[in-house]
Structures are given as C-alpha cells and as structure tokens.
C-alpha atoms as a PDB file:
ATOM      1  CA  UNK A   1      23.908 128.234 117.789  1.00  0.00           C
ATOM      2  CA  UNK A   2      26.611 130.753 118.591  1.00  0.00           C
ATOM      3  CA  UNK A   3      29.525 130.792 116.185  1.00  0.00           C
ATOM      4  CA  UNK A   4      32.597 129.307 117.848  1.00  0.00           C
ATOM      5  CA  UNK A   5      36.171 128.858 116.701  1.00  0.00           C
ATOM      6  CA  UNK A   6      35.491 125.129 116.336  1.00  0.00           C
ATOM      7  CA  UNK A   7      32.467 125.820 114.120  1.00  0.00           C
ATOM      8  CA  UNK A   8      34.682 127.921 111.819  1.00  0.00           C
ATOM      9  CA  UNK A   9      37.248 125.114 111.624  1.00  0.00           C
ATOM     10  CA  UNK A  10      34.601 122.478 110.921  1.00  0.00           C
ATOM     11  CA  UNK A  11      32.948 124.484 108.152  1.00  0.00           C
ATOM     12  CA  UNK A  12      36.312 125.342 106.587  1.00  0.00           C
ATOM     13  CA  UNK A  13      37.160 121.626 106.483  1.00  0.00           C
ATOM     14  CA  UNK A  14      33.805 120.909 104.858  1.00  0.00           C
ATOM     15  CA  UNK A  15      34.516 123.495 102.143  1.00  0.00           C
ATOM     16  CA  UNK A  16      37.849 121.810 101.517  1.00  0.00           C
ATOM     17  CA  UNK A  17      36.408 118.277 101.421  1.00  0.00           C
ATOM     18  CA  UNK A  18      38.417 117.188 104.454  1.00  0.00           C
ATOM     19  CA  UNK A  19      35.526 116.265 106.722  1.00  0.00           C
ATOM     20  CA  UNK A  20      35.360 112.496 106.296  1.00  0.00           C
ATOM     21  CA  UNK A  21      37.332 112.066 109.504  1.00  0.00           C
ATOM     22  CA  UNK A  22      36.478 114.142 112.566  1.00  0.00           C
ATOM     23  CA  UNK A  23      39.137 116.808 112.958  1.00  0.00           C
ATOM     24  CA  UNK A  24      40.365 116.390 109.380  1.00  0.00           C
ATOM     25  CA  UNK A  25      43.391 114.640 107.916  1.00  0.00           C
ATOM     26  CA  UNK A  26      45.168 117.568 106.237  1.00  0.00           C
ATOM     27  CA  UNK A  27      43.317 120.641 107.452  1.00  0.00           C
ATOM     28  CA  UNK A  28      43.370 119.975 111.164  1.00  0.00           C
ATOM     29  CA  UNK A  29      42.622 122.639 113.745  1.00  0.00           C
ATOM     30  CA  UNK A  30      46.338 123.294 114.063  1.00  0.00           C
ATOM     31  CA  UNK A  31      46.743 123.694 110.300  1.00  0.00           C
ATOM     32  CA  UNK A  32      43.758 126.047 110.046  1.00  0.00           C
ATOM     33  CA  UNK A  33      44.578 128.170 113.076  1.00  0.00           C
ATOM     34  CA  UNK A  34      46.980 130.720 111.478  1.00  0.00           C
ATOM     35  CA  UNK A  35      44.605 131.243 108.545  1.00  0.00           C
ATOM     36  CA  UNK A  36      41.617 131.732 110.848  1.00  0.00           C
ATOM     37  CA  UNK A  37      43.651 134.220 112.876  1.00  0.00           C
ATOM     38  CA  UNK A  38      44.395 136.277 109.769  1.00  0.00           C
ATOM     39  CA  UNK A  39      40.733 136.230 108.720  1.00  0.00           C
ATOM     40  CA  UNK A  40      39.601 137.261 112.209  1.00  0.00           C
ATOM     41  CA  UNK A  41      42.092 140.125 112.447  1.00  0.00           C
ATOM     42  CA  UNK A  42      41.040 141.384 109.019  1.00  0.00           C
ATOM     43  CA  UNK A  43      37.356 141.349 109.953  1.00  0.00           C
ATOM     44  CA  UNK A  44      38.012 143.021 113.289  1.00  0.00           C
ATOM     45  CA  UNK A  45      40.027 145.851 111.709  1.00  0.00           C
ATOM     46  CA  UNK A  46      37.389 146.533 109.064  1.00  0.00           C
ATOM     47  CA  UNK A  47      34.523 146.490 111.565  1.00  0.00           C
ATOM     48  CA  UNK A  48      36.417 148.804 113.903  1.00  0.00           C
ATOM     49  CA  UNK A  49      37.084 151.264 111.066  1.00  0.00           C
ATOM     50  CA  UNK A  50      33.329 151.412 110.347  1.00  0.00           C
ATOM     51  CA  UNK A  51      32.321 151.921 113.955  1.00  0.00           C
ATOM     52  CA  UNK A  52      30.478 148.625 114.323  1.00  0.00           C
ATOM     53  CA  UNK A  53      29.453 147.517 117.821  1.00  0.00           C
ATOM     54  CA  UNK A  54      32.157 146.289 120.149  1.00  0.00           C
ATOM     55  CA  UNK A  55      32.655 142.578 120.701  1.00  0.00           C
ATOM     56  CA  UNK A  56      31.671 141.734 124.274  1.00  0.00           C
ATOM     57  CA  UNK A  57      32.465 138.495 126.065  1.00  0.00           C
ATOM     58  CA  UNK A  58      32.008 136.941 129.505  1.00  0.00           C
ATOM     59  CA  UNK A  59      34.435 134.715 131.359  1.00  0.00           C
ATOM     60  CA  UNK A  60      33.935 132.839 134.624  1.00  0.00           C
ATOM     61  CA  UNK A  61      36.625 132.195 137.203  1.00  0.00           C
ATOM     62  CA  UNK A  62      36.799 130.966 140.801  1.00  0.00           C
ATOM     63  CA  UNK A  63      38.965 133.348 142.819  1.00  0.00           C
ATOM     64  CA  UNK A  64      40.556 131.568 145.762  1.00  0.00           C
ATOM     65  CA  UNK A  65      40.278 133.087 149.218  1.00  0.00           C
ATOM     66  CA  UNK A  66      42.868 135.766 150.055  1.00  0.00           C
ATOM     67  CA  UNK A  67      43.819 136.239 146.391  1.00  0.00           C
ATOM     68  CA  UNK A  68      44.801 139.805 145.532  1.00  0.00           C
ATOM     69  CA  UNK A  69      45.867 139.625 141.864  1.00  0.00           C
ATOM     70  CA  UNK A  70      44.563 137.888 138.755  1.00  0.00           C
ATOM     71  CA  UNK A  71      46.256 137.817 135.363  1.00  0.00           C
ATOM     72  CA  UNK A  72      43.468 137.526 132.747  1.00  0.00           C
ATOM     73  CA  UNK A  73      45.364 134.690 131.035  1.00  0.00           C
ATOM     74  CA  UNK A  74      44.986 132.656 134.233  1.00  0.00           C
ATOM     75  CA  UNK A  75      41.218 132.920 133.771  1.00  0.00           C
ATOM     76  CA  UNK A  76      41.549 131.812 130.143  1.00  0.00           C
ATOM     77  CA  UNK A  77      41.126 135.341 128.752  1.00  0.00           C
ATOM     78  CA  UNK A  78      43.595 136.010 125.948  1.00  0.00           C
ATOM     79  CA  UNK A  79      41.764 138.764 124.042  1.00  0.00           C
ATOM     80  CA  UNK A  80      40.925 141.342 126.707  1.00  0.00           C
ATOM     81  CA  UNK A  81      40.984 144.931 125.483  1.00  0.00           C
ATOM     82  CA  UNK A  82      39.170 146.550 128.409  1.00  0.00           C
ATOM     83  CA  UNK A  83      37.129 145.167 131.308  1.00  0.00           C
ATOM     84  CA  UNK A  84      33.540 146.374 131.432  1.00  0.00           C
ATOM     85  CA  UNK A  85      32.650 145.128 134.896  1.00  0.00           C
ATOM     86  CA  UNK A  86      33.276 142.294 137.350  1.00  0.00           C
ATOM     87  CA  UNK A  87      30.524 140.474 139.232  1.00  0.00           C
ATOM     88  CA  UNK A  88      30.816 138.070 142.155  1.00  0.00           C
ATOM     89  CA  UNK A  89      28.899 135.567 144.200  1.00  0.00           C
ATOM     90  CA  UNK A  90      29.866 133.335 147.108  1.00  0.00           C
ATOM     91  CA  UNK A  91      28.444 130.266 148.785  1.00  0.00           C
ATOM     92  CA  UNK A  92      28.833 128.218 145.627  1.00  0.00           C
ATOM     93  CA  UNK A  93      29.408 124.493 145.197  1.00  0.00           C
ATOM     94  CA  UNK A  94      31.554 122.876 142.530  1.00  0.00           C
ATOM     95  CA  UNK A  95      30.679 119.383 141.247  1.00  0.00           C
ATOM     96  CA  UNK A  96      32.996 117.330 139.044  1.00  0.00           C
ATOM     97  CA  UNK A  97      31.571 116.252 135.694  1.00  0.00           C
ATOM     98  CA  UNK A  98      32.139 112.640 134.700  1.00  0.00           C
ATOM     99  CA  UNK A  99      30.109 112.496 131.470  1.00  0.00           C
ATOM    100  CA  UNK A 100      28.130 114.670 129.055  1.00  0.00           C
ATOM    101  CA  UNK A 101      25.774 113.496 126.312  1.00  0.00           C
ATOM    102  CA  UNK A 102      24.527 115.754 123.512  1.00  0.00           C
ATOM    103  CA  UNK A 103      20.776 115.702 122.932  1.00  0.00           C
ATOM    104  CA  UNK A 104      18.470 117.739 120.712  1.00  0.00           C
ATOM    105  CA  UNK A 105      18.514 121.224 122.206  1.00  0.00           C
ATOM    106  CA  UNK A 106      20.020 120.122 125.503  1.00  0.00           C
ATOM    107  CA  UNK A 107      23.043 118.359 126.988  1.00  0.00           C
ATOM    108  CA  UNK A 108      22.746 115.785 129.761  1.00  0.00           C
ATOM    109  CA  UNK A 109      25.442 116.220 132.407  1.00  0.00           C
ATOM    110  CA  UNK A 110      26.548 113.557 134.857  1.00  0.00           C
ATOM    111  CA  UNK A 111      27.991 115.141 138.015  1.00  0.00           C
ATOM    112  CA  UNK A 112      27.680 112.815 141.036  1.00  0.00           C
ATOM    113  CA  UNK A 113      26.021 114.401 144.096  1.00  0.00           C
ATOM    114  CA  UNK A 114      25.602 117.713 142.288  1.00  0.00           C
ATOM    115  CA  UNK A 115      23.109 119.042 144.857  1.00  0.00           C
ATOM    116  CA  UNK A 116      21.138 121.081 142.309  1.00  0.00           C
ATOM    117  CA  UNK A 117      17.397 121.491 141.850  1.00  0.00           C
ATOM    118  CA  UNK A 118      15.466 122.240 138.675  1.00  0.00           C
ATOM    119  CA  UNK A 119      15.590 125.933 137.882  1.00  0.00           C
ATOM    120  CA  UNK A 120      19.090 126.464 139.274  1.00  0.00           C
ATOM    121  CA  UNK A 121      21.691 128.202 137.184  1.00  0.00           C
ATOM    122  CA  UNK A 122      25.077 126.540 136.897  1.00  0.00           C
ATOM    123  CA  UNK A 123      28.336 127.573 135.280  1.00  0.00           C
ATOM    124  CA  UNK A 124      29.832 124.862 133.087  1.00  0.00           C
ATOM    125  CA  UNK A 125      33.479 124.882 132.127  1.00  0.00           C
ATOM    126  CA  UNK A 126      36.353 122.685 131.036  1.00  0.00           C
ATOM    127  CA  UNK A 127      34.421 119.829 129.396  1.00  0.00           C
ATOM    128  CA  UNK A 128      36.795 118.009 127.076  1.00  0.00           C
ATOM    129  CA  UNK A 129      35.566 117.057 123.609  1.00  0.00           C
ATOM    130  CA  UNK A 130      32.442 119.246 123.537  1.00  0.00           C
ATOM    131  CA  UNK A 131      32.037 122.677 121.962  1.00  0.00           C
ATOM    132  CA  UNK A 132      29.274 125.032 123.070  1.00  0.00           C
ATOM    133  CA  UNK A 133      28.812 124.044 126.728  1.00  0.00           C
ATOM    134  CA  UNK A 134      30.971 126.633 128.502  1.00  0.00           C
ATOM    135  CA  UNK A 135      28.941 129.347 130.208  1.00  0.00           C
ATOM    136  CA  UNK A 136      25.953 129.758 132.473  1.00  0.00           C
ATOM    137  CA  UNK A 137      22.844 127.585 131.982  1.00  0.00           C
ATOM    138  CA  UNK A 138      19.425 126.988 133.465  1.00  0.00           C
ATOM    139  CA  UNK A 139      19.031 123.310 134.298  1.00  0.00           C
ATOM    140  CA  UNK A 140      16.459 120.579 134.806  1.00  0.00           C
ATOM    141  CA  UNK A 141      17.442 117.918 137.324  1.00  0.00           C
ATOM    142  CA  UNK A 142      16.903 114.277 136.389  1.00  0.00           C
ATOM    143  CA  UNK A 143      18.245 112.689 139.562  1.00  0.00           C
ATOM    144  CA  UNK A 144      20.905 113.171 142.233  1.00  0.00           C
ATOM    145  CA  UNK A 145      23.688 112.640 139.708  1.00  0.00           C
ATOM    146  CA  UNK A 146      22.411 114.047 136.401  1.00  0.00           C
ATOM    147  CA  UNK A 147      20.786 117.168 134.997  1.00  0.00           C
ATOM    148  CA  UNK A 148      20.249 118.763 131.592  1.00  0.00           C
ATOM    149  CA  UNK A 149      21.500 122.108 130.276  1.00  0.00           C
ATOM    150  CA  UNK A 150      18.332 123.634 128.860  1.00  0.00           C
ATOM    151  CA  UNK A 151      18.712 125.053 125.355  1.00  0.00           C
ATOM    152  CA  UNK A 152      22.335 123.973 124.988  1.00  0.00           C
ATOM    153  CA  UNK A 153      23.231 123.099 121.404  1.00  0.00           C
ATOM    154  CA  UNK A 154      26.661 121.497 121.537  1.00  0.00           C
ATOM    155  CA  UNK A 155      28.811 119.469 119.180  1.00  0.00           C
ATOM    156  CA  UNK A 156      31.407 116.765 119.674  1.00  0.00           C
ATOM    157  CA  UNK A 157      31.652 113.895 122.114  1.00  0.00           C
ATOM    158  CA  UNK A 158      32.684 113.945 125.762  1.00  0.00           C
ATOM    159  CA  UNK A 159      36.275 112.933 126.467  1.00  0.00           C
ATOM    160  CA  UNK A 160      37.098 114.048 130.002  1.00  0.00           C
ATOM    161  CA  UNK A 161      36.886 116.619 132.773  1.00  0.00           C
ATOM    162  CA  UNK A 162      34.632 119.563 133.400  1.00  0.00           C
ATOM    163  CA  UNK A 163      33.048 121.266 136.378  1.00  0.00           C
ATOM    164  CA  UNK A 164      29.552 122.466 137.235  1.00  0.00           C
ATOM    165  CA  UNK A 165      29.466 125.418 139.633  1.00  0.00           C
ATOM    166  CA  UNK A 166      26.217 126.128 141.437  1.00  0.00           C
ATOM    167  CA  UNK A 167      26.102 129.626 142.873  1.00  0.00           C
ATOM    168  CA  UNK A 168      24.672 130.750 146.166  1.00  0.00           C
ATOM    169  CA  UNK A 169      22.602 133.503 144.562  1.00  0.00           C
ATOM    170  CA  UNK A 170      22.664 136.137 141.857  1.00  0.00           C
ATOM    171  CA  UNK A 171      25.900 137.715 140.701  1.00  0.00           C
ATOM    172  CA  UNK A 172      26.491 141.129 142.251  1.00  0.00           C
ATOM    173  CA  UNK A 173      28.488 143.993 140.768  1.00  0.00           C
ATOM    174  CA  UNK A 174      31.907 144.790 142.215  1.00  0.00           C
ATOM    175  CA  UNK A 175      32.965 148.409 142.552  1.00  0.00           C
ATOM    176  CA  UNK A 176      35.811 149.426 140.235  1.00  0.00           C
ATOM    177  CA  UNK A 177      38.317 151.664 142.008  1.00  0.00           C
ATOM    178  CA  UNK A 178      41.655 153.250 141.165  1.00  0.00           C
ATOM    179  CA  UNK A 179      43.508 151.839 144.103  1.00  0.00           C
ATOM    180  CA  UNK A 180      42.637 150.428 147.468  1.00  0.00           C
ATOM    181  CA  UNK A 181      44.579 153.137 149.341  1.00  0.00           C
ATOM    182  CA  UNK A 182      41.886 155.616 148.289  1.00  0.00           C
ATOM    183  CA  UNK A 183      39.216 153.835 150.314  1.00  0.00           C
ATOM    184  CA  UNK A 184      38.236 154.209 153.941  1.00  0.00           C
ATOM    185  CA  UNK A 185      39.454 151.439 156.234  1.00  0.00           C
ATOM    186  CA  UNK A 186      35.854 150.579 157.080  1.00  0.00           C
ATOM    187  CA  UNK A 187      35.329 149.133 153.613  1.00  0.00           C
ATOM    188  CA  UNK A 188      37.317 145.950 154.255  1.00  0.00           C
ATOM    189  CA  UNK A 189      34.187 143.789 154.003  1.00  0.00           C
ATOM    190  CA  UNK A 190      33.286 145.099 150.552  1.00  0.00           C
ATOM    191  CA  UNK A 191      34.328 143.417 147.320  1.00  0.00           C
ATOM    192  CA  UNK A 192      36.202 145.781 145.001  1.00  0.00           C
ATOM    193  CA  UNK A 193      38.695 145.480 142.176  1.00  0.00           C
ATOM    194  CA  UNK A 194      41.231 147.541 140.291  1.00  0.00           C
ATOM    195  CA  UNK A 195      42.460 147.243 136.699  1.00  0.00           C
ATOM    196  CA  UNK A 196      46.082 148.373 136.585  1.00  0.00           C
ATOM    197  CA  UNK A 197      48.860 147.419 134.164  1.00  0.00           C
ATOM    198  CA  UNK A 198      46.643 144.770 132.534  1.00  0.00           C
ATOM    199  CA  UNK A 199      46.127 142.868 135.795  1.00  0.00           C
ATOM    200  CA  UNK A 200      43.100 142.681 138.091  1.00  0.00           C
ATOM    201  CA  UNK A 201      43.677 143.558 141.729  1.00  0.00           C
ATOM    202  CA  UNK A 202      41.221 142.507 144.438  1.00  0.00           C
ATOM    203  CA  UNK A 203      40.723 143.391 148.061  1.00  0.00           C
ATOM    204  CA  UNK A 204      41.386 140.049 149.799  1.00  0.00           C
ATOM    205  CA  UNK A 205      38.323 138.013 150.686  1.00  0.00           C
ATOM    206  CA  UNK A 206      38.203 135.426 153.452  1.00  0.00           C
ATOM    207  CA  UNK A 207      36.096 133.155 151.210  1.00  0.00           C
ATOM    208  CA  UNK A 208      36.383 131.998 147.606  1.00  0.00           C
ATOM    209  CA  UNK A 209      34.413 134.042 145.088  1.00  0.00           C
ATOM    210  CA  UNK A 210      32.963 133.022 141.762  1.00  0.00           C
ATOM    211  CA  UNK A 211      33.630 135.810 139.274  1.00  0.00           C
ATOM    212  CA  UNK A 212      31.917 136.758 136.049  1.00  0.00           C
ATOM    213  CA  UNK A 213      34.205 139.085 134.101  1.00  0.00           C
ATOM    214  CA  UNK A 214      32.547 140.997 131.247  1.00  0.00           C
ATOM    215  CA  UNK A 215      34.973 142.621 128.847  1.00  0.00           C
ATOM    216  CA  UNK A 216      35.515 144.149 125.437  1.00  0.00           C
ATOM    217  CA  UNK A 217      37.500 141.839 123.187  1.00  0.00           C
ATOM    218  CA  UNK A 218      40.645 143.061 121.493  1.00  0.00           C
ATOM    219  CA  UNK A 219      41.690 142.255 117.952  1.00  0.00           C
ATOM    220  CA  UNK A 220      43.593 139.218 119.209  1.00  0.00           C
ATOM    221  CA  UNK A 221      41.980 136.136 117.661  1.00  0.00           C
ATOM    222  CA  UNK A 222      40.464 133.732 120.193  1.00  0.00           C
ATOM    223  CA  UNK A 223      42.446 130.525 120.566  1.00  0.00           C
ATOM    224  CA  UNK A 224      40.135 128.207 122.489  1.00  0.00           C
ATOM    225  CA  UNK A 225      38.005 126.112 120.141  1.00  0.00           C
ATOM    226  CA  UNK A 226      34.919 126.553 122.327  1.00  0.00           C
ATOM    227  CA  UNK A 227      35.310 130.348 122.451  1.00  0.00           C
ATOM    228  CA  UNK A 228      32.467 132.254 120.828  1.00  0.00           C
ATOM    229  CA  UNK A 229      33.459 134.619 118.023  1.00  0.00           C
ATOM    230  CA  UNK A 230      31.168 137.396 119.215  1.00  0.00           C
ATOM    231  CA  UNK A 231      30.467 138.776 115.718  1.00  0.00           C
ATOM    232  CA  UNK A 232      26.979 138.061 114.394  1.00  0.00           C
ATOM    233  CA  UNK A 233      26.668 136.158 111.100  1.00  0.00           C
ATOM    234  CA  UNK A 234      30.437 135.778 110.739  1.00  0.00           C
ATOM    235  CA  UNK A 235      30.619 131.996 110.304  1.00  0.00           C
ATOM    236  CA  UNK A 236      30.383 131.879 106.502  1.00  0.00           C
ATOM    237  CA  UNK A 237      32.921 134.638 105.891  1.00  0.00           C
ATOM    238  CA  UNK A 238      35.475 133.429 108.434  1.00  0.00           C
ATOM    239  CA  UNK A 239      35.278 129.783 107.348  1.00  0.00           C
ATOM    240  CA  UNK A 240      35.428 130.605 103.621  1.00  0.00           C
ATOM    241  CA  UNK A 241      38.291 133.073 103.958  1.00  0.00           C
ATOM    242  CA  UNK A 242      40.191 130.692 106.262  1.00  0.00           C
ATOM    243  CA  UNK A 243      39.647 127.803 103.840  1.00  0.00           C
ATOM    244  CA  UNK A 244      40.861 129.898 100.894  1.00  0.00           C
ATOM    245  CA  UNK A 245      44.042 130.890 102.697  1.00  0.00           C
ATOM    246  CA  UNK A 246      44.634 127.323 103.879  1.00  0.00           C
ATOM    247  CA  UNK A 247      44.288 125.675 100.451  1.00  0.00           C
ATOM    248  CA  UNK A 248      46.470 128.387  98.901  1.00  0.00           C
ATOM    249  CA  UNK A 249      49.227 127.476 101.377  1.00  0.00           C
ATOM    250  CA  UNK A 250      49.047 123.896 100.076  1.00  0.00           C
ATOM    251  CA  UNK A 251      49.327 124.927  96.409  1.00  0.00           C
ATOM    252  CA  UNK A 252      45.653 124.542  95.497  1.00  0.00           C
ATOM    253  CA  UNK A 253      45.443 127.871  93.714  1.00  0.00           C
ATOM    254  CA  UNK A 254      42.320 127.232  91.647  1.00  0.00           C
ATOM    255  CA  UNK A 255      40.189 126.270  94.655  1.00  0.00           C
ATOM    256  CA  UNK A 256      41.797 129.066  96.667  1.00  0.00           C
ATOM    257  CA  UNK A 257      40.739 131.617  94.038  1.00  0.00           C
ATOM    258  CA  UNK A 258      37.154 130.341  94.146  1.00  0.00           C
ATOM    259  CA  UNK A 259      36.961 130.597  97.911  1.00  0.00           C
ATOM    260  CA  UNK A 260      38.666 133.975  98.162  1.00  0.00           C
ATOM    261  CA  UNK A 261      36.333 135.439  95.523  1.00  0.00           C
ATOM    262  CA  UNK A 262      33.351 134.140  97.516  1.00  0.00           C
ATOM    263  CA  UNK A 263      34.736 135.645 100.715  1.00  0.00           C
ATOM    264  CA  UNK A 264      36.146 138.964  99.462  1.00  0.00           C
ATOM    265  CA  UNK A 265      34.690 139.521  96.003  1.00  0.00           C
ATOM    266  CA  UNK A 266      36.325 139.485  92.549  1.00  0.00           C
ATOM    267  CA  UNK A 267      39.233 141.712  93.586  1.00  0.00           C
ATOM    268  CA  UNK A 268      40.092 139.350  96.453  1.00  0.00           C
ATOM    269  CA  UNK A 269      41.153 142.266  98.627  1.00  0.00           C
ATOM    270  CA  UNK A 270      40.005 143.512 102.014  1.00  0.00           C
ATOM    271  CA  UNK A 271      40.505 147.152 100.952  1.00  0.00           C
ATOM    272  CA  UNK A 272      37.551 146.905  98.557  1.00  0.00           C
ATOM    273  CA  UNK A 273      35.100 144.666 100.433  1.00  0.00           C
ATOM    274  CA  UNK A 274      32.701 142.623  98.344  1.00  0.00           C
ATOM    275  CA  UNK A 275      31.176 139.145  98.451  1.00  0.00           C
ATOM    276  CA  UNK A 276      30.486 137.657 101.873  1.00  0.00           C
ATOM    277  CA  UNK A 277      32.530 140.371 103.581  1.00  0.00           C
ATOM    278  CA  UNK A 278      30.407 143.167 102.133  1.00  0.00           C
ATOM    279  CA  UNK A 279      27.168 141.373 103.029  1.00  0.00           C
ATOM    280  CA  UNK A 280      28.416 140.893 106.587  1.00  0.00           C
ATOM    281  CA  UNK A 281      29.421 144.542 106.951  1.00  0.00           C
ATOM    282  CA  UNK A 282      26.123 145.782 105.522  1.00  0.00           C
ATOM    283  CA  UNK A 283      24.170 143.627 107.967  1.00  0.00           C
ATOM    284  CA  UNK A 284      26.250 144.977 110.834  1.00  0.00           C
ATOM    285  CA  UNK A 285      25.719 148.584 109.756  1.00  0.00           C
ATOM    286  CA  UNK A 286      21.961 148.045 109.480  1.00  0.00           C
ATOM    287  CA  UNK A 287      21.860 146.660 113.019  1.00  0.00           C
ATOM    288  CA  UNK A 288      23.895 149.637 114.207  1.00  0.00           C
ATOM    289  CA  UNK A 289      21.521 152.082 112.529  1.00  0.00           C
ATOM    290  CA  UNK A 290      18.572 150.592 114.411  1.00  0.00           C
ATOM    291  CA  UNK A 291      20.240 151.458 117.742  1.00  0.00           C
ATOM    292  CA  UNK A 292      19.488 154.961 119.113  1.00  0.00           C
ATOM    293  CA  UNK A 293      22.532 157.222 118.538  1.00  0.00           C
ATOM    294  CA  UNK A 294      23.163 157.730 122.247  1.00  0.00           C
ATOM    295  CA  UNK A 295      23.425 153.953 122.703  1.00  0.00           C
ATOM    296  CA  UNK A 296      25.722 153.173 119.780  1.00  0.00           C
ATOM    297  CA  UNK A 297      28.846 153.738 121.839  1.00  0.00           C
ATOM    298  CA  UNK A 298      29.491 152.837 125.420  1.00  0.00           C
ATOM    299  CA  UNK A 299      30.090 155.770 127.669  1.00  0.00           C
ATOM    300  CA  UNK A 300      33.878 156.335 127.693  1.00  0.00           C
ATOM    301  CA  UNK A 301      33.840 157.002 131.413  1.00  0.00           C
ATOM    302  CA  UNK A 302      33.883 154.696 134.376  1.00  0.00           C
ATOM    303  CA  UNK A 303      33.383 155.383 138.037  1.00  0.00           C
ATOM    304  CA  UNK A 304      36.284 156.401 140.174  1.00  0.00           C
ATOM    305  CA  UNK A 305      35.541 156.173 143.883  1.00  0.00           C
ATOM    306  CA  UNK A 306      37.713 158.220 146.216  1.00  0.00           C
ATOM    307  CA  UNK A 307      36.601 157.856 149.833  1.00  0.00           C
ATOM    308  CA  UNK A 308      32.992 159.112 149.736  1.00  0.00           C
ATOM    309  CA  UNK A 309      33.337 160.971 146.440  1.00  0.00           C
ATOM    310  CA  UNK A 310      32.277 159.491 143.107  1.00  0.00           C
ATOM    311  CA  UNK A 311      33.935 160.996 140.054  1.00  0.00           C
ATOM    312  CA  UNK A 312      33.762 160.074 136.361  1.00  0.00           C
ATOM    313  CA  UNK A 313      36.706 160.058 133.988  1.00  0.00           C
END
C-alpha cells in the first residue's frame, strides 16, 4: 500500500494510544497536521541535500472546452515544483459514484449506468471517506451499475461523492511550448500547453479534455489526506516524528523523548541523522546507487518548439 498522509496520521495516533475512536479524540488529523508538515519538510530538505531521487506525482483533471488557463491549485495540486509533462485524452465519460465498499485487494464501486467493460481503465477521484482510491485503475465489471478496482487497497468507509472517468483511449503527450505566438497558425487543431508564471496555458479546445499532469513535488507538505507521500519507506519515520512533536506540544515530554529518539536517534536532531531517519536515508542512497549514473538525474532541458525548429534549453 502506498504511504498516504492519512496513513501517517493513523499510525501516529496508534503510537500515541489515541486510536480507540476512528480519527482520534485528542490527536485528530487537524491536531497532527502541523507536526506532520514539519516532519515532511525536514525529510525533504535532507533528501534533497543528499541528491536522492525527486518526488514525482500525477494528478488528473477535466479541462472544460475552450479553457485557456489552469491554476494548479484548481486541479488540487498544492506542491508543484515543476511540471514534467501533460497528457490528454478526449471522448471520455464521467459516471457519478454512489457507493464504494472496501474488499480484500479491491474496492467495489457503485456508479449507475457506468458504461464500462472489464479491462477498461478508469480514473477515480473525490470519494469521501476512503483513502487510497484516487488515481487510475484497471477494472472488472460486475454489472451495469458496479465494478471493482483491481488491486486497490483502501481504508475507511464511504461517506459521499466521487466520480469514475472512463477515457476514450490512451493518454497522449501534449507538446510543451514557450508561447502560442511562436507556432504556425496551422497548428490550431493540436493540443499544446505552456507553463508560465506558475500557471498552465492551453490552446483552446472545442471539446473537454481529460488531463494527466505529471510533476515534480516541491517541499510543500501535501495537505489532502489521500495524497501519496511519494517517498519510499517513509511511513515509520514520518509517523514517529510527527507523534513525538505532537505529544511534546501537549506536555508529554517523556513519551516525546522516546519517540524523537526512535525517529532521529539519541541526539534528537536532524543535523546528525540517526535512528529511523538514518535507516531511511541509507535505503534511499542504496536505491540511488543501483541506478546508472546517467539516469540518476532528469535531463535539465525541455523541448522548446519555435515554428518548425526544435531547440533544447
């Protein structure tokens, strides 16, 4: 199961003995959030200083017809450092979800008249109460109103809402350009985007497009509880460090010391990593060392298309 913000909160509550009631009594998500954010920022800074792999994420968004600008926050992206690429597909159908039931290795979705067939891929988003369902899934259809998300390991219980988007084909890459003025007028039918002043710009389309935006995450901590952390093996460190900071804020110094020593080592400082933090960093470095040197960093250049000329910068 991918580590999510909710998983960090749940494990932190368990460490603090506040898990008898779902969501906690004292250490609720809201109470834990600032402590998780500090732990995440600390881990991100240390990993960046050691040259560990970038954190990559995907986000899905339906771009309405004739839309020319998109603020990432509108698509639920609050931690975008740099876009990697944007993909699109059209001819999709959106079905409203009315229920979702967690099974063992799958989730059963109720979406009346969904129109899907087994083997389709659907994008799930906005399901209230469940963590781990957002994203793109292969499905098995049970009947005209229900299907299962194959391999989906989710937690929680359905409360409301959600959509299932069935695409009209594979996602296709959009061209990234500096500005639309640079392009020949005959390219009006092509789908292209710009990334200027932290906003996406699009050549208007006469139809709605389903977008998949792949991006490098910044050091801004994710806020959505279903958001994946994107750092392998980080659950134990983030939950323990967050729990230590949280109990310290409530005056529980003895338990705080125990947790902080587990997370950071005897010195309880990020400047001299030890404990869970050191183990996490060592694992990350070992993974990095197994990657060929030329693949350890993304190429710092992206295509710039000017009329018929392709440059790199």
